[in-house]
Amino acid sequence: MSAKIINNFPKVSRPGEYVAFFNIVVPTKEGPAFVYMACDAYSEFGFNTGAELDESPETVLKHVYLLTEDQEFVRHMDKGFTLVLDRFEELSERINAIIKPVNGKLLFDVRFHKQIAEPILKSFSKFVSKSKR
């Protein structure tokens, strides 16, 4: 079962402890592309698991799985991790089936997710702003 934090964010004390998972929608001539990413709350390190033309449940689950296979992510999995999401609650059982065997927990918290993902999203926004000039 997923945990919820209402007002206070958990204290982050090590790499890989809390990781926000999300996608960034990028417009293309063929329609939107979804760049699947994650951000470590402690180091602000970004993980890119790939881009897709959809965000179907199967695609989301595929990228959660790809995250657990990422070489940099795997380095800290032995200590356990909490995957923080701001949506996809309807997939919680299936996500748990992927992350629980590799020492993961699941947390749905919009505000905490936003706080963790913010460094990557700000950096992406700056990059896009510069490229439009």
C-alpha atoms as a PDB file:
ATOM      1  CA  MET A   1       0.000   0.000   0.000  1.00  0.00           C
ATOM      2  CA  SER A   2       1.261   3.499  -0.748  1.00  0.00           C
ATOM      3  CA  ALA A   3       2.000   5.977   2.025  1.00  0.00           C
ATOM      4  CA  LYS A   4       0.909   9.598   2.044  1.00  0.00           C
ATOM      5  CA  ILE A   5       2.588  12.557   3.679  1.00  0.00           C
ATOM      6  CA  ILE A   6       0.242  15.479   4.290  1.00  0.00           C
ATOM      7  CA  ASN A   7       2.202  18.539   5.473  1.00  0.00           C
ATOM      8  CA  ASN A   8       5.788  17.705   6.329  1.00  0.00           C
ATOM      9  CA  PHE A   9       8.300  16.362   3.860  1.00  0.00           C
ATOM     10  CA  PRO A  10      10.521  13.487   4.943  1.00  0.00           C
ATOM     11  CA  LYS A  11      14.115  14.380   5.717  1.00  0.00           C
ATOM     12  CA  VAL A  12      16.445  13.234   2.933  1.00  0.00           C
ATOM     13  CA  SER A  13      19.761  11.937   4.260  1.00  0.00           C
ATOM     14  CA  ARG A  14      21.376   9.925   1.438  1.00  0.00           C
ATOM     15  CA  PRO A  15      21.444   9.389  -2.332  1.00  0.00           C
ATOM     16  CA  GLY A  16      18.681   7.204  -3.672  1.00  0.00           C
ATOM     17  CA  GLU A  17      16.484   7.532  -0.594  1.00  0.00           C
ATOM     18  CA  TYR A  18      13.673   9.451  -2.339  1.00  0.00           C
ATOM     19  CA  VAL A  19      13.379   9.588  -6.106  1.00  0.00           C
ATOM     20  CA  ALA A  20      10.691  11.463  -8.032  1.00  0.00           C
ATOM     21  CA  PHE A  21       9.483   9.801 -11.233  1.00  0.00           C
ATOM     22  CA  PHE A  22       7.830  11.904 -13.954  1.00  0.00           C
ATOM     23  CA  ASN A  23       7.683  12.691 -17.636  1.00  0.00           C
ATOM     24  CA  ILE A  24       8.134  15.873 -19.590  1.00  0.00           C
ATOM     25  CA  VAL A  25       5.894  16.414 -22.608  1.00  0.00           C
ATOM     26  CA  VAL A  26       7.781  17.681 -25.647  1.00  0.00           C
ATOM     27  CA  PRO A  27       5.858  18.812 -28.737  1.00  0.00           C
ATOM     28  CA  THR A  28       6.899  17.230 -32.042  1.00  0.00           C
ATOM     29  CA  LYS A  29       5.473  17.391 -35.575  1.00  0.00           C
ATOM     30  CA  GLU A  30       4.019  13.916 -35.047  1.00  0.00           C
ATOM     31  CA  GLY A  31       2.398  14.901 -31.742  1.00  0.00           C
ATOM     32  CA  PRO A  32       3.568  14.956 -28.150  1.00  0.00           C
ATOM     33  CA  ALA A  33       6.588  12.941 -27.035  1.00  0.00           C
ATOM     34  CA  PHE A  34       6.951  11.917 -23.411  1.00  0.00           C
ATOM     35  CA  VAL A  35      10.462  12.019 -21.953  1.00  0.00           C
ATOM     36  CA  TYR A  36      10.525   9.761 -18.892  1.00  0.00           C
ATOM     37  CA  MET A  37      12.772  10.920 -16.077  1.00  0.00           C
ATOM     38  CA  ALA A  38      13.497  10.625 -12.391  1.00  0.00           C
ATOM     39  CA  CYS A  39      15.328  12.897  -9.968  1.00  0.00           C
ATOM     40  CA  ASP A  40      17.144  11.938  -6.786  1.00  0.00           C
ATOM     41  CA  ALA A  41      16.114  14.201  -3.901  1.00  0.00           C
ATOM     42  CA  TYR A  42      19.530  14.145  -2.220  1.00  0.00           C
ATOM     43  CA  SER A  43      21.924  14.676  -5.136  1.00  0.00           C
ATOM     44  CA  GLU A  44      19.461  16.211  -7.642  1.00  0.00           C
ATOM     45  CA  PHE A  45      20.876  13.693 -10.133  1.00  0.00           C
ATOM     46  CA  GLY A  46      18.602  13.125 -13.098  1.00  0.00           C
ATOM     47  CA  PHE A  47      17.835   9.781 -14.679  1.00  0.00           C
ATOM     48  CA  ASN A  48      16.500   9.613 -18.240  1.00  0.00           C
ATOM     49  CA  THR A  49      14.854   6.302 -19.057  1.00  0.00           C
ATOM     50  CA  GLY A  50      13.849   7.257 -22.600  1.00  0.00           C
ATOM     51  CA  ALA A  51      11.206   8.914 -24.746  1.00  0.00           C
ATOM     52  CA  GLU A  52       7.915   7.508 -25.998  1.00  0.00           C
ATOM     53  CA  LEU A  53       4.932   8.664 -28.017  1.00  0.00           C
ATOM     54  CA  ASP A  54       2.490   7.852 -25.214  1.00  0.00           C
ATOM     55  CA  GLU A  55       1.986   7.596 -21.481  1.00  0.00           C
ATOM     56  CA  SER A  56      -0.126   4.479 -21.442  1.00  0.00           C
ATOM     57  CA  PRO A  57      -0.051   2.357 -18.285  1.00  0.00           C
ATOM     58  CA  GLU A  58       2.245  -0.156 -20.011  1.00  0.00           C
ATOM     59  CA  THR A  59       4.664   2.586 -21.033  1.00  0.00           C
ATOM     60  CA  VAL A  60       4.730   4.118 -17.546  1.00  0.00           C
ATOM     61  CA  LEU A  61       5.390   0.696 -16.007  1.00  0.00           C
ATOM     62  CA  LYS A  62       8.104  -0.010 -18.578  1.00  0.00           C
ATOM     63  CA  HIS A  63       9.934   3.168 -17.547  1.00  0.00           C
ATOM     64  CA  VAL A  64       9.585   2.442 -13.835  1.00  0.00           C
ATOM     65  CA  TYR A  65      11.228  -0.903 -14.599  1.00  0.00           C
ATOM     66  CA  LEU A  66      13.937   0.771 -16.732  1.00  0.00           C
ATOM     67  CA  LEU A  67      14.707   3.097 -13.824  1.00  0.00           C
ATOM     68  CA  THR A  68      15.337   0.106 -11.563  1.00  0.00           C
ATOM     69  CA  GLU A  69      17.813  -1.196 -14.169  1.00  0.00           C
ATOM     70  CA  ASP A  70      19.733   2.100 -14.560  1.00  0.00           C
ATOM     71  CA  GLN A  71      23.393   1.656 -13.546  1.00  0.00           C
ATOM     72  CA  GLU A  72      23.499   4.851 -11.499  1.00  0.00           C
ATOM     73  CA  PHE A  73      20.192   4.088  -9.801  1.00  0.00           C
ATOM     74  CA  VAL A  74      21.202   0.525  -8.917  1.00  0.00           C
ATOM     75  CA  ARG A  75      24.221   1.819  -6.961  1.00  0.00           C
ATOM     76  CA  HIS A  76      21.958   2.882  -4.073  1.00  0.00           C
ATOM     77  CA  MET A  77      19.133   0.319  -4.242  1.00  0.00           C
ATOM     78  CA  ASP A  78      20.605  -1.948  -1.574  1.00  0.00           C
ATOM     79  CA  LYS A  79      19.769   0.677   1.080  1.00  0.00           C
ATOM     80  CA  GLY A  80      16.201   0.892  -0.153  1.00  0.00           C
ATOM     81  CA  PHE A  81      14.465   3.695  -1.976  1.00  0.00           C
ATOM     82  CA  THR A  82      11.110   5.408  -2.098  1.00  0.00           C
ATOM     83  CA  LEU A  83       9.707   6.234  -5.505  1.00  0.00           C
ATOM     84  CA  VAL A  84       7.698   9.456  -5.227  1.00  0.00           C
ATOM     85  CA  LEU A  85       4.942  10.104  -7.748  1.00  0.00           C
ATOM     86  CA  ASP A  86       2.400  12.861  -8.186  1.00  0.00           C
ATOM     87  CA  ARG A  87      -0.025  10.751 -10.235  1.00  0.00           C
ATOM     88  CA  PHE A  88      -0.580   7.241 -11.644  1.00  0.00           C
ATOM     89  CA  GLU A  89      -2.162   6.060  -8.364  1.00  0.00           C
ATOM     90  CA  GLU A  90      -4.291   3.655 -10.391  1.00  0.00           C
ATOM     91  CA  LEU A  91      -1.032   1.816 -11.203  1.00  0.00           C
ATOM     92  CA  SER A  92       0.139   1.561  -7.583  1.00  0.00           C
ATOM     93  CA  GLU A  93      -0.233  -2.227  -7.316  1.00  0.00           C
ATOM     94  CA  ARG A  94       1.618  -2.790 -10.567  1.00  0.00           C
ATOM     95  CA  ILE A  95       4.356  -0.280  -9.697  1.00  0.00           C
ATOM     96  CA  ASN A  96       4.779  -1.932  -6.299  1.00  0.00           C
ATOM     97  CA  ALA A  97       5.157  -5.282  -8.062  1.00  0.00           C
ATOM     98  CA  ILE A  98       8.148  -3.815  -9.934  1.00  0.00           C
ATOM     99  CA  ILE A  99       9.876  -1.939  -7.110  1.00  0.00           C
ATOM    100  CA  LYS A 100       9.164  -4.032  -4.007  1.00  0.00           C
ATOM    101  CA  PRO A 101      11.424  -6.954  -5.092  1.00  0.00           C
ATOM    102  CA  VAL A 102      14.325  -4.480  -5.477  1.00  0.00           C
ATOM    103  CA  ASN A 103      13.876  -2.884  -2.045  1.00  0.00           C
ATOM    104  CA  GLY A 104      11.555  -0.077  -3.141  1.00  0.00           C
ATOM    105  CA  LYS A 105       8.533   1.636  -1.625  1.00  0.00           C
ATOM    106  CA  LEU A 106       5.949   3.861  -3.247  1.00  0.00           C
ATOM    107  CA  LEU A 107       4.749   7.278  -2.106  1.00  0.00           C
ATOM    108  CA  PHE A 108       2.148   9.511  -3.737  1.00  0.00           C
ATOM    109  CA  ASP A 109       2.615  13.111  -2.649  1.00  0.00           C
ATOM    110  CA  VAL A 110       2.163  15.976  -5.105  1.00  0.00           C
ATOM    111  CA  ARG A 111       4.001  18.632  -3.063  1.00  0.00           C
ATOM    112  CA  PHE A 112       6.986  16.440  -2.132  1.00  0.00           C
ATOM    113  CA  HIS A 113       7.206  15.227  -5.735  1.00  0.00           C
ATOM    114  CA  LYS A 114       7.260  18.824  -6.968  1.00  0.00           C
ATOM    115  CA  GLN A 115      10.030  19.712  -4.523  1.00  0.00           C
ATOM    116  CA  ILE A 116      12.192  16.776  -5.645  1.00  0.00           C
ATOM    117  CA  ALA A 117      11.588  17.214  -9.395  1.00  0.00           C
ATOM    118  CA  GLU A 118      12.015  21.005  -9.374  1.00  0.00           C
ATOM    119  CA  PRO A 119      15.796  21.138 -10.069  1.00  0.00           C
ATOM    120  CA  ILE A 120      15.440  19.025 -13.220  1.00  0.00           C
ATOM    121  CA  LEU A 121      12.349  20.873 -14.399  1.00  0.00           C
ATOM    122  CA  LYS A 122      13.976  24.291 -13.849  1.00  0.00           C
ATOM    123  CA  SER A 123      17.091  23.199 -15.713  1.00  0.00           C
ATOM    124  CA  PHE A 124      14.991  21.869 -18.595  1.00  0.00           C
ATOM    125  CA  SER A 125      12.990  25.102 -18.687  1.00  0.00           C
ATOM    126  CA  LYS A 126      16.192  27.204 -18.836  1.00  0.00           C
ATOM    127  CA  PHE A 127      17.524  25.010 -21.640  1.00  0.00           C
ATOM    128  CA  VAL A 128      14.311  25.406 -23.653  1.00  0.00           C
ATOM    129  CA  SER A 129      14.281  29.192 -23.050  1.00  0.00           C
ATOM    130  CA  LYS A 130      17.869  29.521 -24.313  1.00  0.00           C
ATOM    131  CA  SER A 131      17.208  27.440 -27.417  1.00  0.00           C
ATOM    132  CA  LYS A 132      14.227  29.635 -28.403  1.00  0.00           C
ATOM    133  CA  ARG A 133      16.421  32.752 -28.745  1.00  0.00           C
END
